[in-house]
Protein backbone atom coordinates (compact mmCIF):
# COMPACT_ATOMS: atom_id res chain seq x y z
CA MET A 1 -98.92 16.61 -41.38
CA ASP A 2 -95.71 16.48 -39.61
CA HIS A 3 -95.65 18.93 -36.56
CA HIS A 4 -91.86 18.62 -35.80
CA ARG A 5 -89.36 21.36 -35.97
CA HIS A 6 -86.24 21.02 -37.63
CA PHE A 7 -83.09 23.26 -37.43
CA ILE A 8 -79.31 23.98 -38.24
CA LEU A 9 -76.72 25.64 -36.36
CA HIS A 10 -73.21 26.60 -36.72
CA LYS A 11 -71.79 25.35 -33.63
CA PRO A 12 -68.89 27.59 -32.36
CA PHE A 13 -65.94 26.69 -30.52
CA GLY A 14 -66.58 26.29 -26.72
CA THR A 15 -70.17 25.50 -27.00
CA ILE A 16 -71.17 22.30 -25.29
CA SER A 17 -73.36 20.47 -27.78
CA GLN A 18 -76.39 20.23 -25.37
CA PHE A 19 -78.99 22.23 -23.53
CA VAL A 20 -78.36 21.67 -20.12
CA ASN A 21 -74.66 22.03 -18.48
CA PRO A 22 -73.92 19.16 -16.55
CA HIS A 23 -70.34 19.93 -15.47
CA LYS A 24 -71.68 23.24 -14.62
CA ARG A 25 -68.95 24.70 -16.87
CA LYS A 26 -68.52 28.11 -18.03
CA LYS A 27 -69.14 27.31 -21.50
CA LYS A 28 -72.18 28.24 -24.01
CA LEU A 29 -74.85 26.31 -24.34
CA LEU A 30 -77.51 25.64 -27.64
CA GLY A 31 -80.43 27.15 -26.22
CA GLU A 32 -78.19 30.79 -25.92
CA PHE A 33 -78.37 31.12 -29.71
CA PHE A 34 -82.33 30.37 -30.23
CA LYS A 35 -85.55 30.16 -28.75
CA PHE A 36 -86.24 26.23 -29.78
CA PRO A 37 -89.25 24.55 -28.92
CA GLU A 38 -89.39 22.04 -25.95
CA LYS A 39 -88.09 18.87 -26.69
CA THR A 40 -85.31 20.05 -28.83
CA MET A 41 -82.46 17.77 -29.44
CA ALA A 42 -79.60 17.79 -31.05
CA ILE A 43 -78.69 15.09 -33.50
CA GLY A 44 -75.33 13.81 -32.84
CA ARG A 45 -72.83 16.11 -31.23
CA LEU A 46 -69.57 17.79 -32.06
CA ASP A 47 -67.46 18.48 -28.69
CA VAL A 48 -66.76 21.39 -26.96
CA ASN A 49 -63.47 22.32 -29.11
CA SER A 50 -65.24 21.51 -32.47
CA GLU A 51 -67.13 24.04 -34.78
CA GLY A 52 -69.68 23.40 -37.42
CA LEU A 53 -72.46 21.73 -38.70
CA LEU A 54 -75.39 20.55 -36.03
CA LEU A 55 -78.65 19.22 -37.07
CA LEU A 56 -81.32 19.53 -34.10
CA THR A 57 -84.77 18.58 -34.50
CA THR A 58 -88.12 17.80 -32.04
CA ASP A 59 -88.57 14.44 -34.28
CA GLY A 60 -86.35 10.97 -32.06
CA LYS A 61 -86.83 9.21 -35.32
CA VAL A 62 -85.15 11.99 -37.54
CA SER A 63 -82.44 11.65 -35.05
CA GLU A 64 -81.97 7.75 -35.20
CA TYR A 65 -81.96 7.82 -38.73
CA ILE A 66 -79.47 10.08 -39.38
CA ARG A 67 -76.92 8.81 -36.60
CA GLY A 68 -77.21 5.57 -38.59
CA ARG A 69 -74.37 4.40 -39.97
CA LYS A 70 -75.59 5.03 -43.65
CA VAL A 71 -75.44 8.92 -43.13
CA GLU A 72 -71.98 10.98 -44.25
CA LYS A 73 -70.75 13.20 -42.71
CA GLU A 74 -67.85 15.76 -43.77
CA TYR A 75 -65.24 17.19 -41.39
CA TYR A 76 -62.65 19.61 -42.30
CA VAL A 77 -59.90 19.37 -39.89
CA GLN A 78 -56.66 21.17 -39.60
CA VAL A 79 -53.53 18.97 -38.68
CA ASP A 80 -50.39 19.82 -37.19
CA GLY A 81 -47.22 18.99 -39.88
CA CYS A 82 -47.78 18.78 -43.82
CA ILE A 83 -49.71 15.65 -43.89
CA LYS A 84 -48.63 13.72 -46.97
CA GLN A 85 -50.57 11.53 -49.18
CA GLU A 86 -49.47 8.17 -47.18
CA GLU A 87 -50.89 9.23 -44.48
CA ILE A 88 -53.98 10.21 -45.67
CA ASN A 89 -54.07 6.65 -47.58
CA ARG A 90 -53.85 5.13 -43.69
CA LEU A 91 -56.64 7.17 -42.91
CA ILE A 92 -58.86 5.71 -45.74
CA LYS A 93 -57.95 2.24 -44.96
CA GLY A 94 -58.52 2.18 -41.27
CA VAL A 95 -56.49 3.29 -38.65
CA GLU A 96 -56.26 1.71 -34.97
CA ILE A 97 -57.65 4.16 -32.09
CA GLY A 98 -58.98 3.76 -28.69
CA PHE A 99 -62.79 3.40 -27.88
CA ASP A 100 -64.70 2.09 -24.33
CA GLY A 101 -61.46 0.85 -23.21
CA LYS A 102 -60.53 -1.49 -26.36
CA LYS A 103 -58.74 -1.24 -29.27
CA TYR A 104 -60.77 -0.58 -32.31
CA ILE A 105 -60.22 -0.28 -36.14
CA THR A 106 -62.45 2.55 -38.19
CA LYS A 107 -64.32 1.62 -40.98
CA ASN A 108 -63.35 2.63 -44.61
CA CYS A 109 -63.76 6.29 -45.09
CA LYS A 110 -63.03 9.13 -48.14
CA SER A 111 -59.88 11.62 -46.96
CA SER A 112 -57.99 14.01 -48.80
CA LEU A 113 -55.68 17.20 -48.99
CA ILE A 114 -57.52 20.32 -49.42
CA SER A 115 -56.30 24.12 -49.62
CA THR A 116 -57.10 25.82 -46.51
CA PRO A 117 -61.16 26.96 -46.21
CA PHE A 118 -62.58 29.93 -45.64
CA PHE A 119 -63.67 30.01 -42.16
CA LYS A 120 -63.17 33.08 -39.73
CA ASP A 121 -60.07 32.89 -36.92
CA ARG A 122 -61.38 30.87 -33.62
CA THR A 123 -62.38 32.73 -30.86
CA GLN A 124 -58.95 31.20 -29.05
CA LYS A 125 -55.95 31.40 -31.14
CA ILE A 126 -54.95 27.84 -32.29
CA ARG A 127 -50.87 28.74 -32.07
CA ASP A 128 -48.91 31.04 -34.25
CA ASP A 129 -46.76 30.29 -36.99
CA ARG A 130 -43.43 29.84 -35.24
CA HIS A 131 -44.21 26.40 -34.58
CA GLY A 132 -44.33 25.31 -37.95
CA PRO A 133 -46.44 24.24 -40.71
CA THR A 134 -49.92 22.72 -40.67
CA SER A 135 -52.17 21.35 -43.59
CA TRP A 136 -55.84 20.61 -43.45
CA ILE A 137 -57.63 17.83 -44.94
CA SER A 138 -61.01 16.61 -45.63
CA ILE A 139 -62.38 13.77 -43.82
CA THR A 140 -65.87 12.23 -44.29
CA LEU A 141 -67.33 9.23 -41.98
CA THR A 142 -70.31 7.29 -41.98
CA GLU A 143 -69.64 6.47 -38.05
CA GLY A 144 -69.06 8.53 -35.36
CA LYS A 145 -67.04 7.60 -32.25
CA PHE A 146 -66.40 9.39 -29.31
CA ARG A 147 -63.68 12.00 -30.36
CA GLN A 148 -63.12 9.89 -33.92
CA VAL A 149 -61.29 12.29 -35.91
CA ARG A 150 -58.68 13.67 -33.46
CA LYS A 151 -58.09 9.99 -32.56
CA MET A 152 -57.74 9.29 -36.49
CA THR A 153 -55.13 12.33 -37.13
CA ALA A 154 -53.30 11.33 -34.03
CA ALA A 155 -52.92 8.00 -35.05
CA VAL A 156 -51.47 8.47 -38.03
CA GLY A 157 -48.65 11.55 -36.80
CA PHE A 158 -50.54 14.72 -36.94
CA PRO A 159 -52.92 16.16 -34.11
CA THR A 160 -55.99 17.66 -35.14
CA LEU A 161 -55.62 21.51 -34.15
CA ARG A 162 -58.89 22.63 -35.40
CA LEU A 163 -62.18 20.58 -36.68
CA ILE A 164 -65.14 21.57 -38.54
CA ARG A 165 -68.18 19.87 -39.37
CA VAL A 166 -69.06 20.91 -42.96
CA ARG A 167 -71.67 18.15 -44.38
CA ILE A 168 -74.50 15.62 -42.81
CA ASP A 169 -75.60 13.99 -45.55
CA THR A 170 -76.87 16.78 -48.37
CA ILE A 171 -76.99 19.38 -45.78
CA MET A 172 -74.33 21.86 -46.08
CA LEU A 173 -72.37 24.38 -43.60
CA GLU A 174 -72.16 26.80 -46.42
CA SER A 175 -72.87 30.16 -45.42
CA LEU A 176 -74.10 30.29 -42.07
CA LYS A 177 -72.45 32.40 -40.10
CA LEU A 178 -71.16 31.31 -36.45
CA GLY A 179 -73.77 30.90 -34.08
CA GLU A 180 -76.26 31.49 -36.40
CA VAL A 181 -79.55 29.15 -36.42
CA LYS A 182 -81.85 28.36 -39.58
CA GLU A 183 -85.23 26.58 -39.07
CA VAL A 184 -85.55 24.20 -42.01
CA VAL A 185 -88.93 22.09 -43.38
CA ARG A 186 -87.52 19.08 -43.17
CA PHE A 187 -83.68 17.38 -43.91
CA PHE A 188 -84.42 15.00 -46.41
């Protein structure tokens, strides 16, 4: 019988994906949303400026499986400017980014232009419309290097303004409210 516990969280902007603040920054930590059991760990992380679906578990084997390269992670990304299919095709085929001080070509991924998704405005304003148009794309990866999505969109000339993870494998963010935690029986 599985005695481990599993959770999904809609991580807000400005939250550190950890239980301990290593740099004593004045940012929210995961433990401020819910009384998680001891030994709970975040599976993969979202940087402090990213939002969306975060999985947490007390089971290291589940964490290792999900962080494996076969599990898809889908992101909705607001980029600066009107991105065209040409740049989306470059994202799909792989682009060169810097990782660990070296050049790295990203693996093939899925990407498409999407209409503006319905999410509440971020707590910190991104910018106003006077700075020009923005567009939204979906990017689905099976890898996850440090700040990879942000580096990928910048590599094709469209810096990321807002990044929201909406899916990990079959687990969807859906209607989970910002900051809400939901315990689940299992992930898969």
